[in-house]
Amino acid sequence: MSFLVFNLITKDTKKVTSDWQVCNASTGYHLGVVGWYTGWRRYVYHPSWPQMLDAGCMREIANFAEAETNKRKEQAK
């Protein structure tokens, strides 16, 4: 069961990478953004404010960020 929704933010035509808004699946409440961090060459989660997330939500965000990082690295080849 998914507790989060990842909504693609309209892509800036000047950017190579995408950003996704992370929202609570039941309320639609905005929690943060998954976006590319050049220094680490991967997608990371940018929380909107200090939050409490359980292991399931953190795992869901981590899995999403890792999958998008892998897609981005495959496209760059």
N, C-alpha and C. Protein backbone atom coordinates (compact mmCIF):
# COMPACT_ATOMS: atom_id res chain seq x y z
N MET A 1 0.84 -1.19 0.00
CA MET A 1 0.00 0.00 0.00
C MET A 1 0.89 1.24 0.00
N SER A 2 0.57 2.16 -0.87
CA SER A 2 1.35 3.37 -0.99
C SER A 2 0.70 4.49 -0.18
N PHE A 3 1.51 5.19 0.59
CA PHE A 3 1.02 6.31 1.39
C PHE A 3 1.35 7.65 0.73
N LEU A 4 2.14 7.60 -0.34
CA LEU A 4 2.61 8.81 -0.98
C LEU A 4 2.24 8.84 -2.46
N VAL A 5 2.17 10.05 -3.01
CA VAL A 5 1.96 10.25 -4.44
C VAL A 5 3.10 11.13 -4.93
N PHE A 6 3.68 10.77 -6.06
CA PHE A 6 4.77 11.54 -6.66
C PHE A 6 4.23 12.19 -7.93
N ASN A 7 4.05 13.50 -7.91
CA ASN A 7 3.50 14.25 -9.04
C ASN A 7 4.63 14.96 -9.78
N LEU A 8 4.76 14.66 -11.06
CA LEU A 8 5.77 15.32 -11.87
C LEU A 8 5.47 16.80 -11.94
N ILE A 9 6.47 17.61 -11.60
CA ILE A 9 6.35 19.06 -11.71
C ILE A 9 6.71 19.41 -13.15
N THR A 10 5.96 20.33 -13.74
CA THR A 10 6.22 20.71 -15.13
C THR A 10 7.70 20.96 -15.33
N LYS A 11 8.24 20.25 -16.29
CA LYS A 11 9.68 20.29 -16.53
C LYS A 11 10.10 21.59 -17.19
N ASP A 12 11.12 22.21 -16.64
CA ASP A 12 11.73 23.39 -17.23
C ASP A 12 12.51 22.91 -18.45
N THR A 13 12.25 23.50 -19.60
CA THR A 13 12.89 23.04 -20.84
C THR A 13 14.41 23.22 -20.80
N LYS A 14 14.93 24.04 -19.90
CA LYS A 14 16.38 24.25 -19.79
C LYS A 14 17.04 23.19 -18.92
N LYS A 15 16.24 22.46 -18.13
CA LYS A 15 16.78 21.43 -17.25
C LYS A 15 16.78 20.06 -17.92
N VAL A 16 17.80 19.28 -17.63
CA VAL A 16 17.88 17.92 -18.15
C VAL A 16 17.10 16.97 -17.25
N THR A 17 17.03 17.28 -15.97
CA THR A 17 16.39 16.40 -14.99
C THR A 17 14.99 16.91 -14.63
N SER A 18 14.23 16.06 -13.96
CA SER A 18 12.86 16.39 -13.55
C SER A 18 12.78 16.55 -12.04
N ASP A 19 11.67 17.13 -11.57
CA ASP A 19 11.36 17.23 -10.15
C ASP A 19 9.96 16.67 -9.93
N TRP A 20 9.74 16.07 -8.75
CA TRP A 20 8.44 15.55 -8.39
C TRP A 20 8.02 16.09 -7.04
N GLN A 21 6.77 16.50 -6.96
CA GLN A 21 6.19 16.91 -5.69
C GLN A 21 5.77 15.64 -4.97
N VAL A 22 6.11 15.54 -3.68
CA VAL A 22 5.73 14.39 -2.87
C VAL A 22 4.56 14.82 -2.00
N CYS A 23 3.44 14.07 -2.10
CA CYS A 23 2.23 14.40 -1.36
C CYS A 23 1.70 13.19 -0.62
N ASN A 24 0.99 13.45 0.46
CA ASN A 24 0.29 12.40 1.19
C ASN A 24 -0.82 11.89 0.29
N ALA A 25 -0.91 10.57 0.11
CA ALA A 25 -1.88 9.98 -0.83
C ALA A 25 -3.32 10.21 -0.39
N SER A 26 -3.59 10.24 0.90
CA SER A 26 -4.99 10.36 1.34
C SER A 26 -5.45 11.82 1.45
N THR A 27 -4.54 12.74 1.80
CA THR A 27 -4.95 14.13 1.99
C THR A 27 -4.48 15.06 0.89
N GLY A 28 -3.47 14.64 0.11
CA GLY A 28 -2.90 15.50 -0.92
C GLY A 28 -1.95 16.54 -0.36
N TYR A 29 -1.68 16.47 0.94
CA TYR A 29 -0.82 17.45 1.61
C TYR A 29 0.61 17.37 1.08
N HIS A 30 1.16 18.52 0.72
CA HIS A 30 2.52 18.61 0.17
C HIS A 30 3.56 18.34 1.27
N LEU A 31 4.46 17.38 1.01
CA LEU A 31 5.49 17.03 1.98
C LEU A 31 6.88 17.49 1.56
N GLY A 32 7.14 17.58 0.27
CA GLY A 32 8.46 17.98 -0.19
C GLY A 32 8.60 17.71 -1.68
N VAL A 33 9.86 17.69 -2.12
CA VAL A 33 10.16 17.51 -3.54
C VAL A 33 11.32 16.52 -3.68
N VAL A 34 11.21 15.65 -4.67
CA VAL A 34 12.34 14.82 -5.08
C VAL A 34 12.94 15.51 -6.30
N GLY A 35 14.22 15.86 -6.20
CA GLY A 35 14.88 16.57 -7.28
C GLY A 35 16.34 16.15 -7.40
N TRP A 36 16.96 16.50 -8.50
CA TRP A 36 18.34 16.13 -8.79
C TRP A 36 19.29 16.99 -7.97
N TYR A 37 20.29 16.35 -7.35
CA TYR A 37 21.34 17.06 -6.63
C TYR A 37 22.65 16.78 -7.36
N THR A 38 23.16 17.77 -8.05
CA THR A 38 24.33 17.61 -8.89
C THR A 38 25.55 17.15 -8.10
N GLY A 39 25.74 17.67 -6.90
CA GLY A 39 26.91 17.31 -6.09
C GLY A 39 27.02 15.82 -5.81
N TRP A 40 25.88 15.17 -5.68
CA TRP A 40 25.88 13.72 -5.42
C TRP A 40 25.53 12.91 -6.66
N ARG A 41 25.18 13.60 -7.78
CA ARG A 41 24.81 12.95 -9.03
C ARG A 41 23.68 11.94 -8.83
N ARG A 42 22.64 12.38 -8.10
CA ARG A 42 21.48 11.51 -7.86
C ARG A 42 20.28 12.34 -7.40
N TYR A 43 19.12 11.72 -7.45
CA TYR A 43 17.91 12.36 -6.94
C TYR A 43 17.89 12.27 -5.42
N VAL A 44 17.44 13.34 -4.79
CA VAL A 44 17.35 13.39 -3.33
C VAL A 44 15.99 13.98 -2.94
N TYR A 45 15.63 13.79 -1.70
CA TYR A 45 14.38 14.31 -1.15
C TYR A 45 14.65 15.61 -0.42
N HIS A 46 13.89 16.64 -0.77
CA HIS A 46 13.97 17.95 -0.13
C HIS A 46 12.68 18.16 0.66
N PRO A 47 12.68 17.91 1.98
CA PRO A 47 11.45 18.11 2.75
C PRO A 47 11.07 19.59 2.80
N SER A 48 9.78 19.85 2.87
CA SER A 48 9.29 21.22 2.93
C SER A 48 9.55 21.85 4.30
N TRP A 49 9.65 21.05 5.32
CA TRP A 49 9.91 21.49 6.70
C TRP A 49 10.30 20.26 7.49
N PRO A 50 10.76 20.41 8.73
CA PRO A 50 11.07 19.21 9.53
C PRO A 50 9.83 18.33 9.65
N GLN A 51 10.01 17.04 9.40
CA GLN A 51 8.88 16.12 9.38
C GLN A 51 9.19 14.86 10.16
N MET A 52 8.12 14.14 10.47
CA MET A 52 8.25 12.80 11.01
C MET A 52 7.70 11.85 9.96
N LEU A 53 8.53 10.92 9.51
CA LEU A 53 8.12 9.92 8.54
C LEU A 53 8.44 8.55 9.12
N ASP A 54 7.56 7.60 8.91
CA ASP A 54 7.87 6.25 9.38
C ASP A 54 8.74 5.54 8.35
N ALA A 55 9.19 4.35 8.71
CA ALA A 55 10.11 3.60 7.85
C ALA A 55 9.49 3.32 6.48
N GLY A 56 8.18 3.05 6.44
CA GLY A 56 7.53 2.77 5.16
C GLY A 56 7.56 3.96 4.21
N CYS A 57 7.29 5.15 4.73
CA CYS A 57 7.33 6.36 3.90
C CYS A 57 8.75 6.67 3.46
N MET A 58 9.70 6.54 4.37
CA MET A 58 11.10 6.81 4.00
C MET A 58 11.57 5.82 2.94
N ARG A 59 11.17 4.56 3.08
CA ARG A 59 11.54 3.53 2.11
C ARG A 59 10.93 3.84 0.75
N GLU A 60 9.68 4.28 0.75
CA GLU A 60 8.99 4.60 -0.50
C GLU A 60 9.69 5.76 -1.21
N ILE A 61 10.07 6.80 -0.46
CA ILE A 61 10.79 7.93 -1.04
C ILE A 61 12.15 7.48 -1.55
N ALA A 62 12.86 6.69 -0.75
CA ALA A 62 14.20 6.21 -1.15
C ALA A 62 14.12 5.34 -2.40
N ASN A 63 13.15 4.45 -2.46
CA ASN A 63 13.00 3.59 -3.64
C ASN A 63 12.69 4.41 -4.88
N PHE A 64 11.83 5.41 -4.74
CA PHE A 64 11.48 6.28 -5.87
C PHE A 64 12.72 7.04 -6.35
N ALA A 65 13.44 7.66 -5.42
CA ALA A 65 14.63 8.43 -5.78
C ALA A 65 15.69 7.54 -6.43
N GLU A 66 15.87 6.34 -5.92
CA GLU A 66 16.85 5.42 -6.50
C GLU A 66 16.45 4.98 -7.90
N ALA A 67 15.17 4.68 -8.10
CA ALA A 67 14.70 4.26 -9.42
C ALA A 67 14.87 5.39 -10.44
N GLU A 68 14.54 6.62 -10.06
CA GLU A 68 14.69 7.75 -10.98
C GLU A 68 16.17 8.04 -11.26
N THR A 69 17.03 7.87 -10.26
CA THR A 69 18.47 8.04 -10.47
C THR A 69 18.97 7.01 -11.48
N ASN A 70 18.55 5.78 -11.33
CA ASN A 70 18.97 4.72 -12.26
C ASN A 70 18.48 5.01 -13.68
N LYS A 71 17.23 5.50 -13.82
CA LYS A 71 16.71 5.86 -15.14
C LYS A 71 17.54 6.99 -15.75
N ARG A 72 17.85 8.00 -14.95
CA ARG A 72 18.62 9.15 -15.43
C ARG A 72 20.01 8.72 -15.88
N LYS A 73 20.66 7.85 -15.12
CA LYS A 73 22.00 7.40 -15.47
C LYS A 73 21.99 6.53 -16.72
N GLU A 74 20.92 5.76 -16.93
CA GLU A 74 20.79 4.96 -18.15
C GLU A 74 20.58 5.86 -19.36
N GLN A 75 19.79 6.91 -19.20
CA GLN A 75 19.54 7.83 -20.31
C GLN A 75 20.80 8.59 -20.69
N ALA A 76 21.68 8.82 -19.73
CA ALA A 76 22.90 9.60 -19.97
C ALA A 76 23.95 8.81 -20.73
N LYS A 77 23.79 7.49 -20.79
CA LYS A 77 24.79 6.64 -21.48
C LYS A 77 24.74 6.83 -22.97
